[in-house]
N, C-alpha and C. Protein backbone atom coordinates (compact mmCIF):
# COMPACT_ATOMS: atom_id res chain seq x y z
N MET A 1 27.86 -12.48 52.22
CA MET A 1 27.00 -11.69 51.37
C MET A 1 26.77 -10.34 52.03
N ILE A 2 26.81 -9.30 51.28
CA ILE A 2 26.59 -7.95 51.79
C ILE A 2 25.18 -7.54 51.39
N ALA A 3 24.42 -7.11 52.35
CA ALA A 3 23.05 -6.68 52.09
C ALA A 3 23.04 -5.18 51.87
N VAL A 4 22.47 -4.73 50.79
CA VAL A 4 22.35 -3.31 50.50
C VAL A 4 20.86 -3.02 50.35
N PRO A 5 20.32 -2.15 51.21
CA PRO A 5 18.89 -1.84 51.12
C PRO A 5 18.54 -1.23 49.77
N GLY A 6 17.44 -1.67 49.18
CA GLY A 6 16.96 -1.12 47.92
C GLY A 6 17.62 -1.72 46.68
N LEU A 7 18.65 -2.58 46.85
CA LEU A 7 19.35 -3.16 45.73
C LEU A 7 18.43 -4.08 44.92
N ARG A 8 17.50 -4.70 45.58
CA ARG A 8 16.57 -5.59 44.88
C ARG A 8 15.72 -4.82 43.86
N VAL A 9 15.46 -3.57 44.10
CA VAL A 9 14.66 -2.78 43.18
C VAL A 9 15.55 -2.20 42.07
N VAL A 10 16.75 -1.74 42.40
CA VAL A 10 17.63 -1.09 41.44
C VAL A 10 18.11 -2.05 40.37
N LEU A 11 18.55 -3.24 40.72
CA LEU A 11 19.06 -4.18 39.73
C LEU A 11 18.01 -4.59 38.71
N PRO A 12 16.79 -4.95 39.12
CA PRO A 12 15.80 -5.28 38.09
C PRO A 12 15.47 -4.10 37.18
N LEU A 13 15.45 -2.88 37.72
CA LEU A 13 15.18 -1.72 36.87
C LEU A 13 16.31 -1.49 35.88
N ALA A 14 17.55 -1.66 36.31
CA ALA A 14 18.70 -1.49 35.42
C ALA A 14 18.68 -2.55 34.33
N ALA A 15 18.37 -3.79 34.70
CA ALA A 15 18.31 -4.87 33.72
C ALA A 15 17.20 -4.60 32.70
N ALA A 16 16.06 -4.11 33.16
CA ALA A 16 14.95 -3.81 32.25
C ALA A 16 15.34 -2.70 31.28
N ALA A 17 16.08 -1.70 31.74
CA ALA A 17 16.50 -0.60 30.87
C ALA A 17 17.45 -1.11 29.79
N VAL A 18 18.38 -2.00 30.15
CA VAL A 18 19.32 -2.55 29.18
C VAL A 18 18.57 -3.38 28.14
N LEU A 19 17.64 -4.22 28.58
CA LEU A 19 16.88 -5.03 27.64
C LEU A 19 16.00 -4.18 26.74
N ALA A 20 15.40 -3.13 27.26
CA ALA A 20 14.54 -2.26 26.45
C ALA A 20 15.35 -1.57 25.36
N ALA A 21 16.58 -1.22 25.64
CA ALA A 21 17.42 -0.55 24.65
C ALA A 21 17.73 -1.46 23.48
N CYS A 22 17.66 -2.78 23.68
CA CYS A 22 17.97 -3.73 22.61
C CYS A 22 16.73 -4.34 21.99
N SER A 23 15.57 -3.89 22.36
CA SER A 23 14.37 -4.57 21.89
C SER A 23 13.83 -4.03 20.58
N GLY A 24 14.34 -2.94 20.07
CA GLY A 24 13.86 -2.41 18.80
C GLY A 24 12.61 -1.57 18.99
N PRO A 25 11.91 -1.24 17.91
CA PRO A 25 10.72 -0.40 17.97
C PRO A 25 9.60 -1.08 18.73
N ALA A 26 8.66 -0.29 19.22
CA ALA A 26 7.54 -0.83 19.96
C ALA A 26 6.81 -1.85 19.10
N GLY A 27 6.45 -2.95 19.73
CA GLY A 27 5.73 -3.98 19.01
C GLY A 27 6.63 -4.96 18.29
N SER A 28 7.95 -4.84 18.40
CA SER A 28 8.83 -5.78 17.73
C SER A 28 9.66 -6.54 18.77
N ALA A 29 9.01 -7.01 19.81
CA ALA A 29 9.68 -7.70 20.90
C ALA A 29 10.58 -8.79 20.37
N GLY A 30 11.78 -8.85 20.93
CA GLY A 30 12.71 -9.89 20.57
C GLY A 30 13.62 -9.52 19.41
N THR A 31 13.44 -8.42 18.77
CA THR A 31 14.34 -8.03 17.68
C THR A 31 15.41 -7.11 18.23
N SER A 32 16.57 -7.11 17.60
CA SER A 32 17.60 -6.20 18.08
C SER A 32 17.49 -4.85 17.40
N ALA A 33 17.98 -3.86 18.12
CA ALA A 33 17.96 -2.50 17.57
C ALA A 33 18.89 -2.45 16.36
N VAL A 34 18.55 -1.70 15.34
CA VAL A 34 19.35 -1.61 14.13
C VAL A 34 19.69 -0.15 13.88
N ALA A 35 20.93 0.07 13.53
CA ALA A 35 21.35 1.42 13.18
C ALA A 35 21.08 1.64 11.69
N CYS A 36 20.37 2.68 11.36
CA CYS A 36 20.07 2.99 9.96
C CYS A 36 21.23 3.79 9.37
N PRO A 37 21.52 3.59 8.09
CA PRO A 37 22.57 4.38 7.44
C PRO A 37 22.21 5.86 7.44
N GLN A 38 23.22 6.69 7.45
CA GLN A 38 23.01 8.14 7.46
C GLN A 38 22.51 8.65 6.13
N VAL A 39 23.08 8.16 5.03
CA VAL A 39 22.73 8.68 3.71
C VAL A 39 22.44 7.51 2.78
N ILE A 40 21.32 7.57 2.11
CA ILE A 40 20.98 6.57 1.11
C ILE A 40 20.86 7.31 -0.22
N ALA A 41 21.57 6.82 -1.23
CA ALA A 41 21.46 7.44 -2.56
C ALA A 41 20.03 7.26 -3.07
N ALA A 42 19.51 8.26 -3.71
CA ALA A 42 18.16 8.19 -4.25
C ALA A 42 18.13 7.22 -5.42
N THR A 43 17.03 6.49 -5.54
CA THR A 43 16.83 5.60 -6.68
C THR A 43 15.78 6.22 -7.58
N ASP A 44 16.06 6.25 -8.88
CA ASP A 44 15.15 6.85 -9.85
C ASP A 44 14.84 5.83 -10.94
N LEU A 45 13.66 5.97 -11.53
CA LEU A 45 13.27 5.16 -12.68
C LEU A 45 13.90 5.78 -13.92
N VAL A 46 14.72 5.01 -14.64
CA VAL A 46 15.41 5.51 -15.83
C VAL A 46 14.65 5.08 -17.09
N TYR A 47 14.40 3.75 -17.23
CA TYR A 47 13.66 3.26 -18.38
C TYR A 47 12.67 2.22 -17.92
N PRO A 48 11.43 2.38 -18.31
CA PRO A 48 10.88 3.50 -19.06
C PRO A 48 10.72 4.72 -18.17
N ALA A 49 10.77 5.89 -18.77
CA ALA A 49 10.63 7.14 -18.00
C ALA A 49 9.26 7.16 -17.31
N SER A 50 9.25 7.68 -16.10
CA SER A 50 7.99 7.77 -15.36
C SER A 50 6.97 8.61 -16.13
N GLY A 51 5.74 8.10 -16.19
CA GLY A 51 4.67 8.81 -16.88
C GLY A 51 4.59 8.50 -18.37
N SER A 52 5.52 7.69 -18.88
CA SER A 52 5.52 7.41 -20.31
C SER A 52 4.43 6.41 -20.68
N SER A 53 4.04 6.43 -21.96
CA SER A 53 3.03 5.51 -22.47
C SER A 53 3.52 4.94 -23.79
N GLY A 54 2.83 3.92 -24.27
CA GLY A 54 3.24 3.30 -25.52
C GLY A 54 4.46 2.41 -25.37
N ILE A 55 4.74 1.97 -24.16
CA ILE A 55 5.90 1.11 -23.91
C ILE A 55 5.56 -0.30 -24.41
N PRO A 56 6.46 -0.95 -25.15
CA PRO A 56 6.17 -2.30 -25.63
C PRO A 56 5.85 -3.24 -24.47
N ASP A 57 4.86 -4.13 -24.67
CA ASP A 57 4.55 -5.08 -23.60
C ASP A 57 5.68 -6.09 -23.42
N ALA A 58 6.46 -6.32 -24.46
CA ALA A 58 7.64 -7.17 -24.35
C ALA A 58 8.82 -6.29 -23.92
N ILE A 59 8.67 -5.69 -22.77
CA ILE A 59 9.61 -4.68 -22.28
C ILE A 59 11.02 -5.24 -22.09
N GLY A 60 11.13 -6.46 -21.62
CA GLY A 60 12.44 -7.10 -21.44
C GLY A 60 13.16 -6.69 -20.18
N GLN A 61 13.17 -5.39 -19.88
CA GLN A 61 13.89 -4.93 -18.69
C GLN A 61 13.40 -3.57 -18.24
N VAL A 62 13.65 -3.31 -16.96
CA VAL A 62 13.40 -2.00 -16.36
C VAL A 62 14.74 -1.55 -15.81
N VAL A 63 15.10 -0.29 -16.07
CA VAL A 63 16.39 0.24 -15.62
C VAL A 63 16.15 1.28 -14.54
N VAL A 64 16.88 1.13 -13.42
CA VAL A 64 16.83 2.11 -12.34
C VAL A 64 18.22 2.68 -12.12
N SER A 65 18.26 3.84 -11.54
CA SER A 65 19.51 4.51 -11.23
C SER A 65 19.58 4.64 -9.71
N GLY A 66 20.54 3.96 -9.09
CA GLY A 66 20.66 3.97 -7.64
C GLY A 66 20.45 2.58 -7.07
N PRO A 67 20.46 2.47 -5.75
CA PRO A 67 20.39 1.14 -5.12
C PRO A 67 19.01 0.50 -5.19
N ALA A 68 18.99 -0.78 -5.55
CA ALA A 68 17.77 -1.58 -5.56
C ALA A 68 18.16 -3.05 -5.61
N SER A 69 17.42 -3.89 -4.92
CA SER A 69 17.67 -5.33 -5.02
C SER A 69 16.51 -6.05 -5.70
N THR A 70 15.33 -5.45 -5.66
CA THR A 70 14.15 -6.02 -6.32
C THR A 70 13.33 -4.89 -6.91
N VAL A 71 12.80 -5.12 -8.11
CA VAL A 71 11.88 -4.18 -8.75
C VAL A 71 10.55 -4.89 -8.90
N ALA A 72 9.46 -4.20 -8.55
CA ALA A 72 8.11 -4.73 -8.71
C ALA A 72 7.33 -3.84 -9.66
N LEU A 73 6.60 -4.47 -10.57
CA LEU A 73 5.69 -3.76 -11.48
C LEU A 73 4.29 -4.18 -11.10
N THR A 74 3.50 -3.23 -10.61
CA THR A 74 2.16 -3.55 -10.11
C THR A 74 1.10 -2.88 -10.98
N PRO A 75 0.29 -3.70 -11.68
CA PRO A 75 -0.80 -3.12 -12.46
C PRO A 75 -1.93 -2.71 -11.52
N SER A 76 -2.68 -1.67 -11.88
CA SER A 76 -3.78 -1.27 -11.02
C SER A 76 -4.77 -2.42 -10.93
N GLY A 77 -5.07 -2.82 -9.69
CA GLY A 77 -6.02 -3.91 -9.46
C GLY A 77 -5.48 -5.29 -9.74
N GLY A 78 -4.17 -5.44 -9.90
CA GLY A 78 -3.61 -6.76 -10.20
C GLY A 78 -2.44 -7.11 -9.31
N ALA A 79 -1.93 -8.30 -9.51
CA ALA A 79 -0.78 -8.79 -8.73
C ALA A 79 0.53 -8.28 -9.33
N ALA A 80 1.46 -7.98 -8.46
CA ALA A 80 2.77 -7.45 -8.88
C ALA A 80 3.58 -8.53 -9.60
N VAL A 81 4.35 -8.08 -10.57
CA VAL A 81 5.35 -8.91 -11.23
C VAL A 81 6.68 -8.40 -10.69
N THR A 82 7.47 -9.27 -10.05
CA THR A 82 8.72 -8.82 -9.44
C THR A 82 9.93 -9.46 -10.11
N SER A 83 11.05 -8.78 -9.99
CA SER A 83 12.30 -9.31 -10.51
C SER A 83 13.46 -8.88 -9.62
N SER A 84 14.31 -9.84 -9.31
CA SER A 84 15.58 -9.53 -8.66
C SER A 84 16.73 -10.00 -9.56
N THR A 85 16.38 -10.36 -10.80
CA THR A 85 17.37 -10.81 -11.78
C THR A 85 17.96 -9.61 -12.50
N GLN A 86 19.22 -9.33 -12.21
CA GLN A 86 19.89 -8.20 -12.85
C GLN A 86 20.51 -8.64 -14.16
N VAL A 87 20.37 -7.79 -15.16
CA VAL A 87 20.90 -8.04 -16.50
C VAL A 87 21.71 -6.82 -16.93
N ALA A 88 22.41 -6.95 -18.05
CA ALA A 88 23.23 -5.84 -18.55
C ALA A 88 22.34 -4.66 -18.93
N VAL A 89 22.79 -3.47 -18.57
CA VAL A 89 22.08 -2.24 -18.94
C VAL A 89 22.27 -2.03 -20.44
N PRO A 90 21.17 -1.83 -21.19
CA PRO A 90 21.32 -1.66 -22.63
C PRO A 90 22.03 -0.35 -22.99
N THR A 91 22.82 -0.43 -24.07
CA THR A 91 23.51 0.75 -24.57
C THR A 91 23.21 0.86 -26.06
N PRO A 92 22.61 1.92 -26.53
CA PRO A 92 22.08 3.04 -25.74
C PRO A 92 20.80 2.62 -25.02
N LEU A 93 20.40 3.45 -24.07
CA LEU A 93 19.15 3.21 -23.34
C LEU A 93 17.97 3.36 -24.30
N PRO A 94 16.97 2.47 -24.19
CA PRO A 94 15.77 2.64 -25.02
C PRO A 94 15.06 3.95 -24.66
N SER A 95 14.23 4.42 -25.57
CA SER A 95 13.43 5.62 -25.29
C SER A 95 12.02 5.20 -24.95
N PRO A 96 11.31 5.97 -24.17
CA PRO A 96 11.73 7.18 -23.46
C PRO A 96 12.45 6.83 -22.17
N ASN A 97 13.49 7.60 -21.87
CA ASN A 97 14.24 7.38 -20.64
C ASN A 97 14.56 8.72 -19.99
N THR A 98 14.97 8.65 -18.74
CA THR A 98 15.42 9.86 -18.03
C THR A 98 16.92 9.75 -17.84
N GLN A 99 17.57 10.87 -17.76
CA GLN A 99 19.02 10.89 -17.58
C GLN A 99 19.37 10.36 -16.20
N PRO A 100 20.11 9.25 -16.11
CA PRO A 100 20.46 8.71 -14.80
C PRO A 100 21.41 9.62 -14.03
N VAL A 101 21.23 9.64 -12.70
CA VAL A 101 22.10 10.47 -11.86
C VAL A 101 23.07 9.61 -11.05
N ASN A 102 22.81 8.34 -10.92
CA ASN A 102 23.68 7.40 -10.21
C ASN A 102 24.00 6.24 -11.14
N TRP A 103 24.62 5.21 -10.59
CA TRP A 103 24.87 4.02 -11.38
C TRP A 103 23.53 3.43 -11.80
N GLN A 104 23.56 2.59 -12.82
CA GLN A 104 22.33 2.02 -13.36
C GLN A 104 22.32 0.51 -13.18
N THR A 105 21.14 -0.02 -12.92
CA THR A 105 20.94 -1.45 -12.81
C THR A 105 19.70 -1.80 -13.61
N ALA A 106 19.80 -2.84 -14.43
CA ALA A 106 18.65 -3.31 -15.22
C ALA A 106 18.14 -4.61 -14.62
N PHE A 107 16.82 -4.76 -14.59
CA PHE A 107 16.17 -5.96 -14.07
C PHE A 107 15.34 -6.58 -15.18
N ALA A 108 15.46 -7.91 -15.36
CA ALA A 108 14.75 -8.63 -16.41
C ALA A 108 13.28 -8.79 -16.08
N PHE A 109 12.41 -8.63 -17.10
CA PHE A 109 10.97 -8.82 -16.94
C PHE A 109 10.41 -9.57 -18.13
N PRO A 110 9.38 -10.39 -17.90
CA PRO A 110 8.72 -11.08 -19.00
C PRO A 110 7.78 -10.12 -19.74
N THR A 111 7.11 -10.63 -20.75
CA THR A 111 6.11 -9.83 -21.46
C THR A 111 5.00 -9.45 -20.49
N LEU A 112 4.60 -8.19 -20.54
CA LEU A 112 3.57 -7.66 -19.65
C LEU A 112 2.23 -7.59 -20.38
N ALA A 113 1.18 -7.28 -19.66
CA ALA A 113 -0.15 -7.12 -20.26
C ALA A 113 -0.18 -5.85 -21.10
N ALA A 114 -0.80 -5.92 -22.26
CA ALA A 114 -0.92 -4.75 -23.14
C ALA A 114 -1.95 -3.77 -22.59
N GLY A 115 -1.74 -2.47 -22.88
CA GLY A 115 -2.69 -1.44 -22.48
C GLY A 115 -2.89 -1.33 -20.99
N THR A 116 -1.82 -1.55 -20.22
CA THR A 116 -1.91 -1.57 -18.76
C THR A 116 -0.94 -0.56 -18.16
N THR A 117 -1.40 0.14 -17.12
CA THR A 117 -0.52 1.06 -16.39
C THR A 117 0.09 0.31 -15.22
N TYR A 118 1.41 0.39 -15.10
CA TYR A 118 2.16 -0.27 -14.03
C TYR A 118 2.80 0.77 -13.12
N THR A 119 2.74 0.51 -11.83
CA THR A 119 3.50 1.30 -10.85
C THR A 119 4.80 0.56 -10.60
N VAL A 120 5.92 1.27 -10.69
CA VAL A 120 7.23 0.68 -10.48
C VAL A 120 7.69 1.00 -9.06
N SER A 121 8.05 -0.04 -8.30
CA SER A 121 8.58 0.17 -6.95
C SER A 121 9.81 -0.69 -6.75
N ILE A 122 10.64 -0.28 -5.81
CA ILE A 122 11.87 -1.03 -5.51
C ILE A 122 11.94 -1.34 -4.03
N THR A 123 12.70 -2.36 -3.71
CA THR A 123 13.14 -2.62 -2.34
C THR A 123 14.65 -2.75 -2.39
N ASN A 124 15.27 -2.53 -1.25
CA ASN A 124 16.73 -2.58 -1.17
C ASN A 124 17.10 -3.48 0.00
N ALA A 125 17.52 -4.71 -0.29
CA ALA A 125 17.84 -5.69 0.74
C ALA A 125 19.10 -5.31 1.53
N ASP A 126 19.89 -4.36 1.03
CA ASP A 126 21.10 -3.95 1.73
C ASP A 126 20.82 -2.97 2.86
N VAL A 127 19.57 -2.55 3.00
CA VAL A 127 19.18 -1.62 4.05
C VAL A 127 18.21 -2.34 4.98
N ALA A 128 18.42 -2.21 6.28
CA ALA A 128 17.58 -2.89 7.26
C ALA A 128 16.12 -2.46 7.13
N PRO A 129 15.19 -3.43 7.24
CA PRO A 129 13.77 -3.07 7.18
C PRO A 129 13.43 -1.98 8.19
N GLY A 130 12.61 -1.05 7.78
CA GLY A 130 12.22 0.06 8.64
C GLY A 130 13.11 1.28 8.51
N CYS A 131 14.27 1.13 7.88
CA CYS A 131 15.16 2.27 7.67
C CYS A 131 14.80 2.96 6.36
N PRO A 132 15.07 4.28 6.27
CA PRO A 132 14.82 4.98 5.01
C PRO A 132 15.64 4.33 3.88
N GLY A 133 15.01 4.11 2.76
CA GLY A 133 15.70 3.51 1.62
C GLY A 133 15.50 2.02 1.49
N ALA A 134 14.92 1.37 2.50
CA ALA A 134 14.70 -0.08 2.43
C ALA A 134 13.58 -0.40 1.46
N GLY A 135 12.57 0.44 1.43
CA GLY A 135 11.44 0.23 0.54
C GLY A 135 10.33 -0.55 1.20
N PRO A 136 9.28 -0.84 0.49
CA PRO A 136 9.16 -0.53 -0.92
C PRO A 136 8.99 0.97 -1.17
N THR A 137 9.57 1.43 -2.26
CA THR A 137 9.53 2.84 -2.64
C THR A 137 9.01 2.94 -4.07
N ASP A 138 7.93 3.67 -4.28
CA ASP A 138 7.40 3.88 -5.62
C ASP A 138 8.28 4.86 -6.39
N LEU A 139 8.61 4.48 -7.64
CA LEU A 139 9.46 5.34 -8.47
C LEU A 139 8.68 6.04 -9.58
N GLY A 140 7.51 5.52 -9.92
CA GLY A 140 6.74 6.14 -11.00
C GLY A 140 5.85 5.11 -11.67
N THR A 141 5.30 5.52 -12.81
CA THR A 141 4.40 4.64 -13.56
C THR A 141 4.73 4.69 -15.04
N PHE A 142 4.27 3.69 -15.77
CA PHE A 142 4.32 3.69 -17.23
C PHE A 142 3.16 2.85 -17.74
N THR A 143 2.79 3.07 -19.00
CA THR A 143 1.68 2.33 -19.61
C THR A 143 2.16 1.61 -20.86
N THR A 144 1.80 0.34 -20.98
CA THR A 144 2.18 -0.45 -22.15
C THR A 144 1.23 -0.17 -23.32
N LYS A 145 1.69 -0.51 -24.56
CA LYS A 145 0.88 -0.31 -25.77
C LYS A 145 -0.35 -1.18 -25.72
């Protein structure tokens, strides 16, 4: 065995530096570091258009443009109604809608409460938690009849 003075201090410090590099953000001990994607396409609310009112409570679906894996509709002061069930995008799009800028995805929803304002938010399971674009991201609001 070859004795090198100070080696006992250097090796533990080097090992600690390697482990710290793989530990992720502060407070997430035991998780591995994740590389976030460089560019995430923006997701927009297509139907119903953000800020619209008079939307039928039997909405049937919400259409977004861009990446999303789950859509949540949260009434003020109430529990969110979520959907990850994708359905065919209606053609033509119901009104009021906004012109989509990316691909479109429709999510199925049951009948909602009448006369209620909902905040629409998305999450994207294809993006690591904590990275931009993972969500939840608010897209806008609408009010039912």
